Every structure is written in structure tokens, then in C-alpha cells.
Amino acid sequence: MLLSAEELKNQLRKFNLMGYSDISVKYADNGKNGKVLTLTDELWKYEDEFYGGEPYSGNETIWLNGQDVFRCVYWGKVESGIDFGNIYNFLRDALKTGPSGNCVHRGPQDFSKDNLHYINACTGTIEHFTQTEKIFLNNQLVYTAYFIGGRINTRK
């Protein structure tokens, strides 16, 4: 079965909405000092595993019919002295709006609410992308995260 880029993008978006952007979702202990979230949607499976508090790091994997088809690694942090609870609540709001412009993952290129501003700078496509998320509080940089990912196992 040939998986189209649009189908993979749509499924990643669906899992992002079912995952971190939903405040009610609970991650489980992975037994290795980290947390993991596993979701399924018919023939699709998604896993987000992360480590840390501040800073944090992790990875996302998507499988279709048991075949791994997408992988993304990430690292991020809230600056020292900043209440990260408020920043992460705002981040969830940004992520709920979804990617825009040339972004294929997570939030829009630009999102603001009150005194917070989110920027998502993306390069590439779902085949291979890099992105940097930033959040500014009163024009001061308070959060940065880096992502690199894309489709995997297209050739054996």
C-alpha cells in the first residue's frame, strides 16, 4: 500500500490532537524514568515517549499496519525562572489550532493570546522537516523546542 504524504500528515495531525494538545491525556510511566503515550486509530498506532521535566527530550513514532512509517525527535525547555505551567497551557492552545503555512507538524506559524506569542518556523515537508517552536512572554523568549523528523522506511 502506497501511503500518500497527505494521508500521513492528516494522521499525524489527528494523533497530535489526541495527544499532547489534549490536557486530559495522561502519559504512563515507561519503566525507564520517562513517560510514554500510546494511541491507536484503526490500523494506525502512535507513540510519544519523553524524558525530563525541564529541559525535556523525546520522540514520536507512527506505525501503519505494524510498519513504522514516521519518526520525529525533539528537545525543548522553558527558561529558568518562568512558570512553565502557564507556558505549556498556552502551548496546548497553539497546538490545537494546528499547522499553517509550510508547517507540517504541531502548531501554526504564528499564534498569540494575551501577552504570549508562539512562532513555529518550519522547513521541509512531511517527508523530512525541521522546525523550531518559540514562545515569547511580553516579547521575551521563554520557551524553545527543536524538532526533526519525517517519513521512514520508504526503501529497504
Protein backbone atom coordinates (compact mmCIF):
# COMPACT_ATOMS: atom_id res chain seq x y z
CA MET A 1 0.00 0.00 0.00
CA LEU A 2 1.37 3.38 -1.01
CA LEU A 3 0.98 5.92 1.77
CA SER A 4 0.44 9.45 0.47
CA ALA A 5 2.09 12.44 2.12
CA GLU A 6 -1.34 13.97 2.72
CA GLU A 7 -2.62 10.83 4.46
CA LEU A 8 0.44 10.75 6.74
CA LYS A 9 0.12 14.48 7.53
CA ASN A 10 -3.57 14.05 8.36
CA GLN A 11 -2.90 11.10 10.65
CA LEU A 12 -0.06 12.92 12.43
CA ARG A 13 -2.41 15.88 12.96
CA LYS A 14 -5.09 13.55 14.34
CA PHE A 15 -2.65 11.97 16.80
CA ASN A 16 -1.36 15.41 17.87
CA LEU A 17 -4.94 16.43 18.72
CA MET A 18 -5.49 13.15 20.58
CA GLY A 19 -2.15 13.54 22.39
CA TYR A 20 -0.27 16.39 23.98
CA SER A 21 -2.67 19.17 22.94
CA ASP A 22 -5.44 17.44 24.97
CA ILE A 23 -4.89 18.39 28.63
CA SER A 24 -6.90 15.34 29.82
CA VAL A 25 -4.48 12.85 28.22
CA LYS A 26 -2.28 11.05 30.73
CA TYR A 27 1.15 9.65 29.87
CA ALA A 28 2.20 6.37 31.53
CA ASP A 29 5.49 5.53 33.23
CA ASN A 30 7.68 3.73 30.69
CA GLY A 31 9.76 1.94 33.35
CA LYS A 32 12.92 3.79 32.24
CA ASN A 33 12.46 7.09 34.12
CA GLY A 34 10.38 8.53 31.28
CA LYS A 35 6.77 8.76 30.17
CA VAL A 36 5.00 7.29 27.16
CA LEU A 37 1.68 7.86 25.41
CA THR A 38 0.38 5.16 23.07
CA LEU A 39 -2.65 5.82 20.85
CA THR A 40 -4.37 3.75 18.17
CA ASP A 41 -6.72 4.66 15.34
CA GLU A 42 -7.87 1.67 13.28
CA LEU A 43 -4.71 0.40 11.51
CA TRP A 44 -2.58 3.24 12.88
CA LYS A 45 -0.53 3.31 16.09
CA TYR A 46 1.26 6.29 17.63
CA GLU A 47 3.76 6.51 20.45
CA ASP A 48 5.21 9.61 22.10
CA GLU A 49 7.97 8.87 24.61
CA PHE A 50 9.72 11.63 26.53
CA TYR A 51 12.21 12.17 29.33
CA GLY A 52 12.83 15.01 31.70
CA GLY A 53 10.99 17.91 33.16
CA GLU A 54 12.98 20.97 32.23
CA PRO A 55 14.55 20.62 29.74
CA TYR A 56 12.85 17.63 28.11
CA SER A 57 13.54 15.36 25.14
CA GLY A 58 11.61 12.69 23.32
CA ASN A 59 10.48 11.03 20.14
CA GLU A 60 7.31 10.22 18.25
CA THR A 61 6.72 7.18 16.06
CA ILE A 62 3.77 6.27 13.83
CA TRP A 63 3.09 2.76 12.53
CA LEU A 64 0.63 1.71 9.83
CA ASN A 65 -0.28 -1.99 9.78
CA GLY A 66 2.69 -2.68 12.09
CA GLN A 67 5.18 -0.94 9.77
CA ASP A 68 6.97 2.13 11.17
CA VAL A 69 6.32 5.00 8.73
CA PHE A 70 7.13 8.22 10.61
CA ARG A 71 9.60 9.33 13.28
CA CYS A 72 10.35 12.65 14.96
CA VAL A 73 12.81 13.53 17.72
CA TYR A 74 12.59 16.64 19.85
CA TRP A 75 14.20 18.67 22.65
CA GLY A 76 12.85 21.73 24.41
CA LYS A 77 12.81 23.88 27.53
CA VAL A 78 11.20 26.74 29.37
CA GLU A 79 13.70 29.34 30.52
CA SER A 80 14.72 29.27 34.18
CA GLY A 81 12.57 31.41 36.46
CA ILE A 82 9.47 31.18 34.23
CA ASP A 83 6.28 29.42 35.41
CA PHE A 84 6.23 26.56 32.93
CA GLY A 85 2.62 25.58 33.74
CA ASN A 86 1.26 28.74 32.11
CA ILE A 87 3.60 28.36 29.15
CA TYR A 88 2.57 24.76 28.49
CA ASN A 89 -1.14 25.61 28.79
CA PHE A 90 -0.63 28.31 26.17
CA LEU A 91 1.37 25.86 24.01
CA ARG A 92 -1.59 23.43 24.05
CA ASP A 93 -3.84 26.24 22.82
CA ALA A 94 -1.44 26.92 19.94
CA LEU A 95 -1.20 23.23 19.06
CA LYS A 96 -4.99 22.86 18.94
CA THR A 97 -5.08 25.31 16.03
CA GLY A 98 -2.79 23.03 14.01
CA PRO A 99 -0.08 23.66 11.46
CA SER A 100 -0.38 26.53 8.98
CA GLY A 101 1.64 27.81 6.07
CA ASN A 102 4.51 25.44 5.28
CA CYS A 103 4.41 23.80 8.74
CA VAL A 104 3.53 20.11 8.77
CA HIS A 105 3.74 19.41 12.49
CA ARG A 106 2.36 20.80 15.75
CA GLY A 107 1.19 24.42 15.72
CA PRO A 108 0.65 27.27 13.29
CA GLN A 109 3.38 29.57 12.05
CA ASP A 110 2.09 32.31 14.36
CA PHE A 111 -0.34 32.37 17.31
CA SER A 112 -0.94 34.98 20.01
CA LYS A 113 -3.09 35.20 23.11
CA ASP A 114 -2.90 37.95 25.72
CA ASN A 115 0.81 38.63 26.37
CA LEU A 116 2.05 35.32 24.86
CA HIS A 117 3.22 34.80 21.28
CA TYR A 118 4.01 31.42 19.63
CA ILE A 119 6.15 31.10 16.50
CA ASN A 120 6.67 27.83 14.59
CA ALA A 121 9.44 28.07 11.98
CA CYS A 122 9.39 25.05 9.66
CA THR A 123 11.48 23.84 6.78
CA GLY A 124 10.66 20.86 4.58
CA THR A 125 7.68 18.55 4.14
CA ILE A 126 6.29 15.51 5.92
CA GLU A 127 8.97 13.56 4.06
CA HIS A 128 11.71 15.39 6.01
CA PHE A 129 11.30 18.50 8.12
CA THR A 130 12.95 20.58 10.80
CA GLN A 131 11.18 23.07 12.98
CA THR A 132 11.78 25.40 15.87
CA GLU A 133 9.00 26.44 18.22
CA LYS A 134 9.38 29.58 20.31
CA ILE A 135 7.14 31.26 22.85
CA PHE A 136 7.57 34.86 23.92
CA LEU A 137 6.11 36.37 27.10
CA ASN A 138 5.88 40.16 26.80
CA ASN A 139 8.35 39.92 23.87
CA GLN A 140 10.88 37.96 26.00
CA LEU A 141 11.85 34.47 24.77
CA VAL A 142 10.69 31.97 27.41
CA TYR A 143 10.38 28.64 25.53
CA THR A 144 12.26 26.96 22.70
CA ALA A 145 11.87 23.49 21.20
CA TYR A 146 13.52 21.79 18.23
CA PHE A 147 12.08 19.00 16.07
CA ILE A 148 13.46 16.91 13.24
CA GLY A 149 11.52 14.17 11.57
CA GLY A 150 9.82 12.69 8.58
CA ARG A 151 8.78 9.58 6.79
CA ILE A 152 10.87 6.44 7.38
CA ASN A 153 11.21 3.02 5.74
CA THR A 154 10.47 4.12 2.19
CA ARG A 155 13.26 1.86 0.86
CA LYS A 156 14.66 -1.40 2.22
